[in-house]
Amino acid sequence: ILETPVMVGSELTLTWSAAPGGIYRVQQRPQVVGSSWTDVEGDVIAGEYTASKTLTVSEAAGFYRVMGFAP
């Protein structure tokens, strides 16, 4: 479950429910449809039941998703 994203200045923080030890990858794309997803550098390994990643974003709109992988 993805919590409400938090934007402070040019930094966007995504926080989601996680399984401890689970591996998560954030992906982005500029439009909701019609373009492929691009991996954001640096996978996240959850240490607890929540995980998060902070990204620096430009002023352009974007869409994000979190993919989970088994450890």
PDB file of N, CA and C in Angstrom:
ATOM      1  N   ILE A   1       0.858  -1.166   0.000  1.00  0.00           N
ATOM      2  CA  ILE A   1       0.000   0.000   0.000  1.00  0.00           C
ATOM      3  C   ILE A   1       0.903   1.227   0.000  1.00  0.00           C
ATOM      4  N   LEU A   2       0.703   2.090  -0.974  1.00  0.00           N
ATOM      5  CA  LEU A   2       1.477   3.321  -1.084  1.00  0.00           C
ATOM      6  C   LEU A   2       0.782   4.427  -0.304  1.00  0.00           C
ATOM      7  N   GLU A   3       1.522   5.069   0.595  1.00  0.00           N
ATOM      8  CA  GLU A   3       0.970   6.190   1.349  1.00  0.00           C
ATOM      9  C   GLU A   3       0.967   7.439   0.471  1.00  0.00           C
ATOM     10  N   THR A   4       0.347   8.488   0.951  1.00  0.00           N
ATOM     11  CA  THR A   4       0.309   9.746   0.211  1.00  0.00           C
ATOM     12  C   THR A   4       1.732  10.271   0.040  1.00  0.00           C
ATOM     13  N   PRO A   5       2.167  10.519  -1.193  1.00  0.00           N
ATOM     14  CA  PRO A   5       3.520  11.056  -1.412  1.00  0.00           C
ATOM     15  C   PRO A   5       3.678  12.428  -0.758  1.00  0.00           C
ATOM     16  N   VAL A   6       4.896  12.718  -0.313  1.00  0.00           N
ATOM     17  CA  VAL A   6       5.190  13.991   0.341  1.00  0.00           C
ATOM     18  C   VAL A   6       6.213  14.736  -0.514  1.00  0.00           C
ATOM     19  N   MET A   7       5.874  15.981  -0.886  1.00  0.00           N
ATOM     20  CA  MET A   7       6.749  16.811  -1.705  1.00  0.00           C
ATOM     21  C   MET A   7       7.235  17.978  -0.867  1.00  0.00           C
ATOM     22  N   VAL A   8       8.553  18.118  -0.730  1.00  0.00           N
ATOM     23  CA  VAL A   8       9.160  19.237  -0.022  1.00  0.00           C
ATOM     24  C   VAL A   8      10.215  19.815  -0.952  1.00  0.00           C
ATOM     25  N   GLY A   9       9.966  21.021  -1.431  1.00  0.00           N
ATOM     26  CA  GLY A   9      10.870  21.617  -2.415  1.00  0.00           C
ATOM     27  C   GLY A   9      10.872  20.769  -3.677  1.00  0.00           C
ATOM     28  N   SER A  10      12.035  20.302  -4.078  1.00  0.00           N
ATOM     29  CA  SER A  10      12.135  19.458  -5.272  1.00  0.00           C
ATOM     30  C   SER A  10      12.313  17.989  -4.911  1.00  0.00           C
ATOM     31  N   GLU A  11      12.081  17.631  -3.634  1.00  0.00           N
ATOM     32  CA  GLU A  11      12.230  16.247  -3.203  1.00  0.00           C
ATOM     33  C   GLU A  11      10.870  15.602  -2.950  1.00  0.00           C
ATOM     34  N   LEU A  12      10.676  14.432  -3.540  1.00  0.00           N
ATOM     35  CA  LEU A  12       9.455  13.658  -3.398  1.00  0.00           C
ATOM     36  C   LEU A  12       9.787  12.400  -2.614  1.00  0.00           C
ATOM     37  N   THR A  13       9.063  12.158  -1.520  1.00  0.00           N
ATOM     38  CA  THR A  13       9.270  10.953  -0.729  1.00  0.00           C
ATOM     39  C   THR A  13       8.073  10.037  -0.895  1.00  0.00           C
ATOM     40  N   LEU A  14       8.366   8.806  -1.320  1.00  0.00           N
ATOM     41  CA  LEU A  14       7.356   7.757  -1.449  1.00  0.00           C
ATOM     42  C   LEU A  14       7.547   6.788  -0.294  1.00  0.00           C
ATOM     43  N   THR A  15       6.462   6.447   0.397  1.00  0.00           N
ATOM     44  CA  THR A  15       6.495   5.500   1.516  1.00  0.00           C
ATOM     45  C   THR A  15       5.425   4.460   1.274  1.00  0.00           C
ATOM     46  N   TRP A  16       5.751   3.172   1.528  1.00  0.00           N
ATOM     47  CA  TRP A  16       4.808   2.098   1.258  1.00  0.00           C
ATOM     48  C   TRP A  16       4.941   0.982   2.289  1.00  0.00           C
ATOM     49  N   SER A  17       3.895   0.148   2.375  1.00  0.00           N
ATOM     50  CA  SER A  17       3.935  -1.041   3.220  1.00  0.00           C
ATOM     51  C   SER A  17       4.916  -2.023   2.606  1.00  0.00           C
ATOM     52  N   ALA A  18       5.678  -2.704   3.456  1.00  0.00           N
ATOM     53  CA  ALA A  18       6.727  -3.581   2.954  1.00  0.00           C
ATOM     54  C   ALA A  18       6.848  -4.823   3.824  1.00  0.00           C
ATOM     55  N   ALA A  19       7.502  -5.823   3.287  1.00  0.00           N
ATOM     56  CA  ALA A  19       7.871  -7.017   4.046  1.00  0.00           C
ATOM     57  C   ALA A  19       9.343  -6.865   4.417  1.00  0.00           C
ATOM     58  N   PRO A  20       9.700  -7.021   5.695  1.00  0.00           N
ATOM     59  CA  PRO A  20      11.106  -6.899   6.074  1.00  0.00           C
ATOM     60  C   PRO A  20      11.977  -7.835   5.220  1.00  0.00           C
ATOM     61  N   GLY A  21      13.051  -7.280   4.675  1.00  0.00           N
ATOM     62  CA  GLY A  21      13.937  -8.041   3.808  1.00  0.00           C
ATOM     63  C   GLY A  21      13.523  -8.035   2.348  1.00  0.00           C
ATOM     64  N   GLY A  22      12.315  -7.519   2.057  1.00  0.00           N
ATOM     65  CA  GLY A  22      11.837  -7.441   0.682  1.00  0.00           C
ATOM     66  C   GLY A  22      12.625  -6.408  -0.114  1.00  0.00           C
ATOM     67  N   ILE A  23      12.729  -6.635  -1.409  1.00  0.00           N
ATOM     68  CA  ILE A  23      13.451  -5.731  -2.298  1.00  0.00           C
ATOM     69  C   ILE A  23      12.425  -4.986  -3.142  1.00  0.00           C
ATOM     70  N   TYR A  24      12.572  -3.671  -3.215  1.00  0.00           N
ATOM     71  CA  TYR A  24      11.598  -2.832  -3.905  1.00  0.00           C
ATOM     72  C   TYR A  24      12.307  -1.906  -4.898  1.00  0.00           C
ATOM     73  N   ARG A  25      11.660  -1.691  -6.029  1.00  0.00           N
ATOM     74  CA  ARG A  25      12.206  -0.817  -7.073  1.00  0.00           C
ATOM     75  C   ARG A  25      11.145   0.215  -7.440  1.00  0.00           C
ATOM     76  N   VAL A  26      11.541   1.489  -7.440  1.00  0.00           N
ATOM     77  CA  VAL A  26      10.661   2.567  -7.868  1.00  0.00           C
ATOM     78  C   VAL A  26      10.878   2.773  -9.364  1.00  0.00           C
ATOM     79  N   GLN A  27       9.774   2.943 -10.085  1.00  0.00           N
ATOM     80  CA  GLN A  27       9.835   3.220 -11.516  1.00  0.00           C
ATOM     81  C   GLN A  27       9.052   4.499 -11.802  1.00  0.00           C
ATOM     82  N   GLN A  28       9.420   5.165 -12.894  1.00  0.00           N
ATOM     83  CA  GLN A  28       8.752   6.419 -13.249  1.00  0.00           C
ATOM     84  C   GLN A  28       8.499   6.489 -14.748  1.00  0.00           C
ATOM     85  N   ARG A  29       7.549   7.334 -15.110  1.00  0.00           N
ATOM     86  CA  ARG A  29       7.324   7.670 -16.515  1.00  0.00           C
ATOM     87  C   ARG A  29       6.617   9.017 -16.573  1.00  0.00           C
ATOM     88  N   PRO A  30       6.769   9.746 -17.698  1.00  0.00           N
ATOM     89  CA  PRO A  30       6.239  11.105 -17.776  1.00  0.00           C
ATOM     90  C   PRO A  30       4.730  11.194 -17.982  1.00  0.00           C
ATOM     91  N   GLN A  31       4.120  10.153 -18.534  1.00  0.00           N
ATOM     92  CA  GLN A  31       2.679  10.166 -18.795  1.00  0.00           C
ATOM     93  C   GLN A  31       2.059   8.907 -18.209  1.00  0.00           C
ATOM     94  N   VAL A  32       0.786   8.981 -17.859  1.00  0.00           N
ATOM     95  CA  VAL A  32       0.132   7.833 -17.238  1.00  0.00           C
ATOM     96  C   VAL A  32       0.002   6.656 -18.216  1.00  0.00           C
ATOM     97  N   VAL A  33      -0.126   6.936 -19.510  1.00  0.00           N
ATOM     98  CA  VAL A  33      -0.171   5.880 -20.532  1.00  0.00           C
ATOM     99  C   VAL A  33       0.709   6.296 -21.711  1.00  0.00           C
ATOM    100  N   GLY A  34       1.078   5.317 -22.516  1.00  0.00           N
ATOM    101  CA  GLY A  34       1.776   5.615 -23.757  1.00  0.00           C
ATOM    102  C   GLY A  34       3.282   5.683 -23.673  1.00  0.00           C
ATOM    103  N   SER A  35       3.867   5.523 -22.517  1.00  0.00           N
ATOM    104  CA  SER A  35       5.325   5.507 -22.410  1.00  0.00           C
ATOM    105  C   SER A  35       5.734   4.372 -21.480  1.00  0.00           C
ATOM    106  N   SER A  36       6.954   3.903 -21.635  1.00  0.00           N
ATOM    107  CA  SER A  36       7.407   2.778 -20.818  1.00  0.00           C
ATOM    108  C   SER A  36       7.920   3.271 -19.464  1.00  0.00           C
ATOM    109  N   TRP A  37       7.922   2.361 -18.493  1.00  0.00           N
ATOM    110  CA  TRP A  37       8.422   2.671 -17.162  1.00  0.00           C
ATOM    111  C   TRP A  37       9.944   2.622 -17.178  1.00  0.00           C
ATOM    112  N   THR A  38      10.571   3.542 -16.431  1.00  0.00           N
ATOM    113  CA  THR A  38      12.025   3.603 -16.297  1.00  0.00           C
ATOM    114  C   THR A  38      12.371   3.392 -14.833  1.00  0.00           C
ATOM    115  N   ASP A  39      13.363   2.533 -14.574  1.00  0.00           N
ATOM    116  CA  ASP A  39      13.792   2.296 -13.200  1.00  0.00           C
ATOM    117  C   ASP A  39      14.471   3.524 -12.627  1.00  0.00           C
ATOM    118  N   VAL A  40      14.139   3.845 -11.370  1.00  0.00           N
ATOM    119  CA  VAL A  40      14.844   4.880 -10.625  1.00  0.00           C
ATOM    120  C   VAL A  40      16.044   4.181  -9.986  1.00  0.00           C
ATOM    121  N   GLU A  41      17.195   4.788 -10.069  1.00  0.00           N
ATOM    122  CA  GLU A  41      18.424   4.166  -9.569  1.00  0.00           C
ATOM    123  C   GLU A  41      18.336   3.859  -8.079  1.00  0.00           C
ATOM    124  N   GLY A  42      18.796   2.674  -7.707  1.00  0.00           N
ATOM    125  CA  GLY A  42      18.894   2.296  -6.305  1.00  0.00           C
ATOM    126  C   GLY A  42      17.670   1.583  -5.764  1.00  0.00           C
ATOM    127  N   ASP A  43      17.728   0.250  -5.719  1.00  0.00           N
ATOM    128  CA  ASP A  43      16.646  -0.529  -5.113  1.00  0.00           C
ATOM    129  C   ASP A  43      16.626  -0.285  -3.605  1.00  0.00           C
ATOM    130  N   VAL A  44      15.483  -0.541  -2.994  1.00  0.00           N
ATOM    131  CA  VAL A  44      15.303  -0.367  -1.553  1.00  0.00           C
ATOM    132  C   VAL A  44      15.110  -1.745  -0.936  1.00  0.00           C
ATOM    133  N   ILE A  45      15.881  -2.056   0.110  1.00  0.00           N
ATOM    134  CA  ILE A  45      15.687  -3.288   0.882  1.00  0.00           C
ATOM    135  C   ILE A  45      15.022  -2.879   2.187  1.00  0.00           C
ATOM    136  N   ALA A  46      13.825  -3.388   2.405  1.00  0.00           N
ATOM    137  CA  ALA A  46      13.046  -2.991   3.584  1.00  0.00           C
ATOM    138  C   ALA A  46      13.641  -3.587   4.852  1.00  0.00           C
ATOM    139  N   GLY A  47      13.798  -2.759   5.863  1.00  0.00           N
ATOM    140  CA  GLY A  47      14.278  -3.218   7.159  1.00  0.00           C
ATOM    141  C   GLY A  47      13.133  -3.416   8.140  1.00  0.00           C
ATOM    142  N   GLU A  48      11.966  -2.870   7.790  1.00  0.00           N
ATOM    143  CA  GLU A  48      10.797  -2.935   8.661  1.00  0.00           C
ATOM    144  C   GLU A  48       9.560  -3.196   7.800  1.00  0.00           C
ATOM    145  N   TYR A  49       8.387  -2.915   8.358  1.00  0.00           N
ATOM    146  CA  TYR A  49       7.128  -3.128   7.639  1.00  0.00           C
ATOM    147  C   TYR A  49       6.722  -1.933   6.780  1.00  0.00           C
ATOM    148  N   THR A  50       7.574  -0.919   6.739  1.00  0.00           N
ATOM    149  CA  THR A  50       7.412   0.180   5.789  1.00  0.00           C
ATOM    150  C   THR A  50       8.768   0.447   5.162  1.00  0.00           C
ATOM    151  N   ALA A  51       8.741   1.002   3.958  1.00  0.00           N
ATOM    152  CA  ALA A  51       9.972   1.379   3.268  1.00  0.00           C
ATOM    153  C   ALA A  51       9.699   2.696   2.568  1.00  0.00           C
ATOM    154  N   SER A  52      10.765   3.415   2.216  1.00  0.00           N
ATOM    155  CA  SER A  52      10.583   4.685   1.530  1.00  0.00           C
ATOM    156  C   SER A  52      11.783   4.998   0.657  1.00  0.00           C
ATOM    157  N   LYS A  53      11.549   5.901  -0.277  1.00  0.00           N
ATOM    158  CA  LYS A  53      12.608   6.388  -1.155  1.00  0.00           C
ATOM    159  C   LYS A  53      12.322   7.851  -1.436  1.00  0.00           C
ATOM    160  N   THR A  54      13.373   8.666  -1.379  1.00  0.00           N
ATOM    161  CA  THR A  54      13.257  10.084  -1.680  1.00  0.00           C
ATOM    162  C   THR A  54      13.932  10.355  -3.015  1.00  0.00           C
ATOM    163  N   LEU A  55      13.208  11.047  -3.892  1.00  0.00           N
ATOM    164  CA  LEU A  55      13.684  11.352  -5.238  1.00  0.00           C
ATOM    165  C   LEU A  55      13.757  12.854  -5.421  1.00  0.00           C
ATOM    166  N   THR A  56      14.707  13.302  -6.221  1.00  0.00           N
ATOM    167  CA  THR A  56      14.738  14.698  -6.639  1.00  0.00           C
ATOM    168  C   THR A  56      14.006  14.768  -7.969  1.00  0.00           C
ATOM    169  N   VAL A  57      13.000  15.626  -8.043  1.00  0.00           N
ATOM    170  CA  VAL A  57      12.181  15.703  -9.256  1.00  0.00           C
ATOM    171  C   VAL A  57      12.265  17.093  -9.866  1.00  0.00           C
ATOM    172  N   SER A  58      12.005  17.150 -11.174  1.00  0.00           N
ATOM    173  CA  SER A  58      11.951  18.439 -11.864  1.00  0.00           C
ATOM    174  C   SER A  58      10.532  18.981 -11.748  1.00  0.00           C
ATOM    175  N   GLU A  59      10.291  20.111 -12.357  1.00  0.00           N
ATOM    176  CA  GLU A  59       8.949  20.697 -12.306  1.00  0.00           C
ATOM    177  C   GLU A  59       7.961  19.951 -13.188  1.00  0.00           C
ATOM    178  N   ALA A  60       8.457  19.121 -14.093  1.00  0.00           N
ATOM    179  CA  ALA A  60       7.570  18.368 -14.985  1.00  0.00           C
ATOM    180  C   ALA A  60       6.796  17.320 -14.191  1.00  0.00           C
ATOM    181  N   ALA A  61       5.556  17.084 -14.597  1.00  0.00           N
ATOM    182  CA  ALA A  61       4.738  16.060 -13.943  1.00  0.00           C
ATOM    183  C   ALA A  61       5.306  14.681 -14.246  1.00  0.00           C
ATOM    184  N   GLY A  62       5.045  13.749 -13.363  1.00  0.00           N
ATOM    185  CA  GLY A  62       5.501  12.390 -13.570  1.00  0.00           C
ATOM    186  C   GLY A  62       4.628  11.422 -12.800  1.00  0.00           C
ATOM    187  N   PHE A  63       4.754  10.163 -13.141  1.00  0.00           N
ATOM    188  CA  PHE A  63       4.000   9.102 -12.481  1.00  0.00           C
ATOM    189  C   PHE A  63       4.984   8.077 -11.956  1.00  0.00           C
ATOM    190  N   TYR A  64       4.685   7.520 -10.786  1.00  0.00           N
ATOM    191  CA  TYR A  64       5.601   6.603 -10.122  1.00  0.00           C
ATOM    192  C   TYR A  64       4.859   5.354  -9.687  1.00  0.00           C
ATOM    193  N   ARG A  65       5.601   4.235  -9.648  1.00  0.00           N
ATOM    194  CA  ARG A  65       5.057   3.009  -9.075  1.00  0.00           C
ATOM    195  C   ARG A  65       6.189   2.292  -8.345  1.00  0.00           C
ATOM    196  N   VAL A  66       5.792   1.395  -7.436  1.00  0.00           N
ATOM    197  CA  VAL A  66       6.747   0.617  -6.662  1.00  0.00           C
ATOM    198  C   VAL A  66       6.533  -0.854  -7.005  1.00  0.00           C
ATOM    199  N   MET A  67       7.616  -1.523  -7.385  1.00  0.00           N
ATOM    200  CA  MET A  67       7.578  -2.949  -7.696  1.00  0.00           C
ATOM    201  C   MET A  67       8.285  -3.709  -6.589  1.00  0.00           C
ATOM    202  N   GLY A  68       7.690  -4.814  -6.131  1.00  0.00           N
ATOM    203  CA  GLY A  68       8.304  -5.617  -5.080  1.00  0.00           C
ATOM    204  C   GLY A  68       8.838  -6.913  -5.648  1.00  0.00           C
ATOM    205  N   PHE A  69       9.971  -7.368  -5.088  1.00  0.00           N
ATOM    206  CA  PHE A  69      10.620  -8.607  -5.494  1.00  0.00           C
ATOM    207  C   PHE A  69      10.875  -9.457  -4.273  1.00  0.00           C
ATOM    208  N   ALA A  70      10.769 -10.749  -4.391  1.00  0.00           N
ATOM    209  CA  ALA A  70      11.031 -11.666  -3.280  1.00  0.00           C
ATOM    210  C   ALA A  70      12.514 -11.631  -2.943  1.00  0.00           C
ATOM    211  N   PRO A  71      12.841 -11.695  -1.654  1.00  0.00           N
ATOM    212  CA  PRO A  71      14.258 -11.692  -1.256  1.00  0.00           C
ATOM    213  C   PRO A  71      14.938 -13.000  -1.625  1.00  0.00           C
TER     214      PRO A  71
END
